């Protein structure tokens, strides 16, 4: 693995979540803000890196992020720690996306998706479904059999597509 000035092999950093091209993109962003080439990025630099990758964060959020991955306590993030940080952010983003998708169905804020919610959303997209088709769609994701889909049910249902 690459510390400061060693040889960088992106294959050393490939994970289940990030492919080779993504690792190379992360390294390029990381190197852009590692101004002195010492293999570390400080708090201010981290904000700039994440912003360049489309993720806006407050200084407080950045400090908390550094604390969660700064295994050596240096106050800075090395590239391996940066990859771990991106993995954590990625998981967080997936959960946020899941909650936003659920909320798109749950327009009335009941914390459940019911057949009429499915019909309303699909109708807004120009797709007409019958009552029985909407009920069947809900049944597919209804883990506990109560005739409606909770966020927990929805999360389990969506996990089947991974």
Protein backbone atom coordinates (compact mmCIF):
# COMPACT_ATOMS: atom_id res chain seq x y z
CA UNK A 1 0.00 0.00 0.00
CA UNK A 2 1.03 3.56 -0.63
CA UNK A 3 1.90 5.87 2.21
CA UNK A 4 3.44 9.11 1.06
CA UNK A 5 5.93 8.74 -1.74
CA UNK A 6 5.69 5.00 -2.49
CA UNK A 7 4.39 3.37 -5.62
CA UNK A 8 0.61 3.50 -5.92
CA UNK A 9 -1.13 0.35 -7.14
CA UNK A 10 -4.89 1.02 -7.40
CA UNK A 11 -5.61 -2.72 -7.36
CA UNK A 12 -4.49 -2.75 -3.72
CA UNK A 13 -7.53 -0.61 -2.85
CA UNK A 14 -10.33 -2.25 -4.87
CA UNK A 15 -13.22 -3.33 -2.63
CA UNK A 16 -16.67 -4.82 -3.11
CA UNK A 17 -18.02 -1.29 -3.19
CA UNK A 18 -15.44 0.40 -5.44
CA UNK A 19 -14.02 -0.79 -8.74
CA UNK A 20 -10.63 0.02 -10.23
CA UNK A 21 -11.83 3.11 -12.13
CA UNK A 22 -13.42 4.55 -8.99
CA UNK A 23 -10.23 3.98 -6.98
CA UNK A 24 -8.21 5.77 -9.65
CA UNK A 25 -10.71 8.67 -9.60
CA UNK A 26 -10.52 8.85 -5.79
CA UNK A 27 -6.71 8.81 -5.91
CA UNK A 28 -6.63 11.62 -8.46
CA UNK A 29 -8.94 13.72 -6.27
CA UNK A 30 -6.91 12.85 -3.17
CA UNK A 31 -3.61 13.76 -4.87
CA UNK A 32 -5.00 17.07 -6.09
CA UNK A 33 -5.44 18.22 -2.51
CA UNK A 34 -2.38 16.55 -0.99
CA UNK A 35 -0.44 19.71 -1.80
CA UNK A 36 2.84 18.71 -0.17
CA UNK A 37 2.71 15.12 -1.46
CA UNK A 38 3.06 13.62 2.01
CA UNK A 39 0.16 11.19 1.50
CA UNK A 40 -2.24 12.97 3.87
CA UNK A 41 -5.20 15.35 3.62
CA UNK A 42 -6.23 17.65 6.49
CA UNK A 43 -9.72 18.79 7.49
CA UNK A 44 -9.90 21.77 5.12
CA UNK A 45 -8.49 19.72 2.27
CA UNK A 46 -11.01 16.91 2.93
CA UNK A 47 -13.91 19.30 2.48
CA UNK A 48 -12.49 20.37 -0.86
CA UNK A 49 -11.96 16.73 -1.94
CA UNK A 50 -15.51 15.69 -1.05
CA UNK A 51 -16.92 18.80 -2.70
CA UNK A 52 -15.06 17.92 -5.91
CA UNK A 53 -16.78 14.51 -5.77
CA UNK A 54 -20.19 16.16 -5.37
CA UNK A 55 -20.57 15.76 -1.60
CA UNK A 56 -21.12 18.97 0.40
CA UNK A 57 -20.34 18.74 4.12
CA UNK A 58 -20.21 21.14 7.08
CA UNK A 59 -16.96 21.58 9.04
CA UNK A 60 -18.53 19.73 11.97
CA UNK A 61 -19.46 16.80 9.72
CA UNK A 62 -15.93 16.79 8.28
CA UNK A 63 -14.36 16.72 11.76
CA UNK A 64 -16.61 13.84 12.79
CA UNK A 65 -15.74 11.97 9.60
CA UNK A 66 -12.04 12.36 10.23
CA UNK A 67 -12.41 11.10 13.79
CA UNK A 68 -14.23 7.98 12.61
CA UNK A 69 -11.50 6.94 10.16
CA UNK A 70 -8.32 8.47 11.59
CA UNK A 71 -7.04 5.19 12.98
CA UNK A 72 -3.55 6.51 13.73
CA UNK A 73 -4.80 9.70 15.44
CA UNK A 74 -2.76 11.96 13.16
CA UNK A 75 -5.62 14.42 12.61
CA UNK A 76 -5.21 13.86 8.89
CA UNK A 77 -6.47 11.21 6.52
CA UNK A 78 -4.14 8.94 4.61
CA UNK A 79 -5.37 7.42 1.33
CA UNK A 80 -6.40 4.08 2.90
CA UNK A 81 -8.42 5.99 5.50
CA UNK A 82 -9.93 8.08 2.69
CA UNK A 83 -11.14 4.91 0.93
CA UNK A 84 -12.70 3.69 4.20
CA UNK A 85 -14.37 7.09 4.56
CA UNK A 86 -15.81 6.87 1.05
CA UNK A 87 -17.13 3.38 1.83
CA UNK A 88 -18.88 4.73 4.94
CA UNK A 89 -20.32 7.68 2.97
CA UNK A 90 -21.47 5.30 0.25
CA UNK A 91 -23.39 3.13 2.69
CA UNK A 92 -24.93 6.25 4.20
CA UNK A 93 -25.97 7.50 0.79
CA UNK A 94 -27.61 4.18 -0.10
CA UNK A 95 -29.72 4.38 3.06
CA UNK A 96 -30.68 7.96 2.25
CA UNK A 97 -31.65 6.95 -1.28
CA UNK A 98 -33.76 4.12 0.10
CA UNK A 99 -35.58 6.45 2.49
CA UNK A 100 -36.18 9.00 -0.29
CA UNK A 101 -37.61 6.30 -2.58
CA UNK A 102 -39.87 5.09 0.24
CA UNK A 103 -41.03 8.67 0.87
CA UNK A 104 -41.93 9.04 -2.81
CA UNK A 105 -44.55 6.33 -2.27
CA UNK A 106 -45.57 7.45 1.22
CA UNK A 107 -46.96 10.85 0.19
CA UNK A 108 -49.32 11.11 3.18
CA UNK A 109 -46.52 10.51 5.69
CA UNK A 110 -48.17 7.48 7.31
CA UNK A 111 -44.85 5.59 7.38
CA UNK A 112 -46.42 2.87 5.26
CA UNK A 113 -46.89 2.19 1.57
CA UNK A 114 -50.43 1.04 0.87
CA UNK A 115 -52.02 -0.02 -2.43
CA UNK A 116 -53.50 3.44 -2.98
CA UNK A 117 -50.00 4.95 -2.57
CA UNK A 118 -48.70 2.65 -5.31
CA UNK A 119 -51.60 3.60 -7.58
CA UNK A 120 -51.09 7.34 -6.98
CA UNK A 121 -47.36 7.23 -7.69
CA UNK A 122 -47.73 5.11 -10.80
CA UNK A 123 -50.60 7.29 -12.03
CA UNK A 124 -48.38 10.37 -11.65
CA UNK A 125 -45.90 8.58 -13.92
CA UNK A 126 -48.61 7.90 -16.48
CA UNK A 127 -49.07 4.23 -15.55
CA UNK A 128 -52.55 3.00 -14.69
CA UNK A 129 -52.90 -0.02 -12.40
CA UNK A 130 -56.01 -1.69 -11.05
CA UNK A 131 -56.75 -2.07 -7.36
CA UNK A 132 -55.82 -5.76 -7.49
CA UNK A 133 -52.53 -5.01 -9.31
CA UNK A 134 -51.61 -2.42 -6.67
CA UNK A 135 -52.51 -4.86 -3.89
CA UNK A 136 -50.34 -7.53 -5.53
CA UNK A 137 -47.39 -5.12 -5.71
CA UNK A 138 -47.76 -4.31 -2.02
CA UNK A 139 -48.02 -8.01 -1.13
CA UNK A 140 -44.70 -8.66 -2.89
CA UNK A 141 -42.90 -6.35 -0.43
CA UNK A 142 -45.14 -6.87 2.62
CA UNK A 143 -42.89 -8.98 4.86
CA UNK A 144 -45.15 -9.10 7.93
CA UNK A 145 -48.41 -9.62 5.99
CA UNK A 146 -50.29 -6.61 7.38
CA UNK A 147 -51.35 -5.39 3.93
CA UNK A 148 -48.95 -2.46 3.84
CA UNK A 149 -45.21 -1.93 3.46
CA UNK A 150 -43.17 -0.40 6.28
CA UNK A 151 -39.71 1.07 5.72
CA UNK A 152 -38.30 -2.15 7.19
CA UNK A 153 -40.33 -4.24 4.72
CA UNK A 154 -39.22 -1.97 1.87
CA UNK A 155 -35.55 -2.23 2.88
CA UNK A 156 -35.74 -6.06 2.95
CA UNK A 157 -37.56 -6.13 -0.37
CA UNK A 158 -35.01 -3.88 -2.06
CA UNK A 159 -32.14 -5.96 -0.67
CA UNK A 160 -33.41 -8.89 -2.75
CA UNK A 161 -32.34 -6.97 -5.88
CA UNK A 162 -28.70 -6.58 -4.85
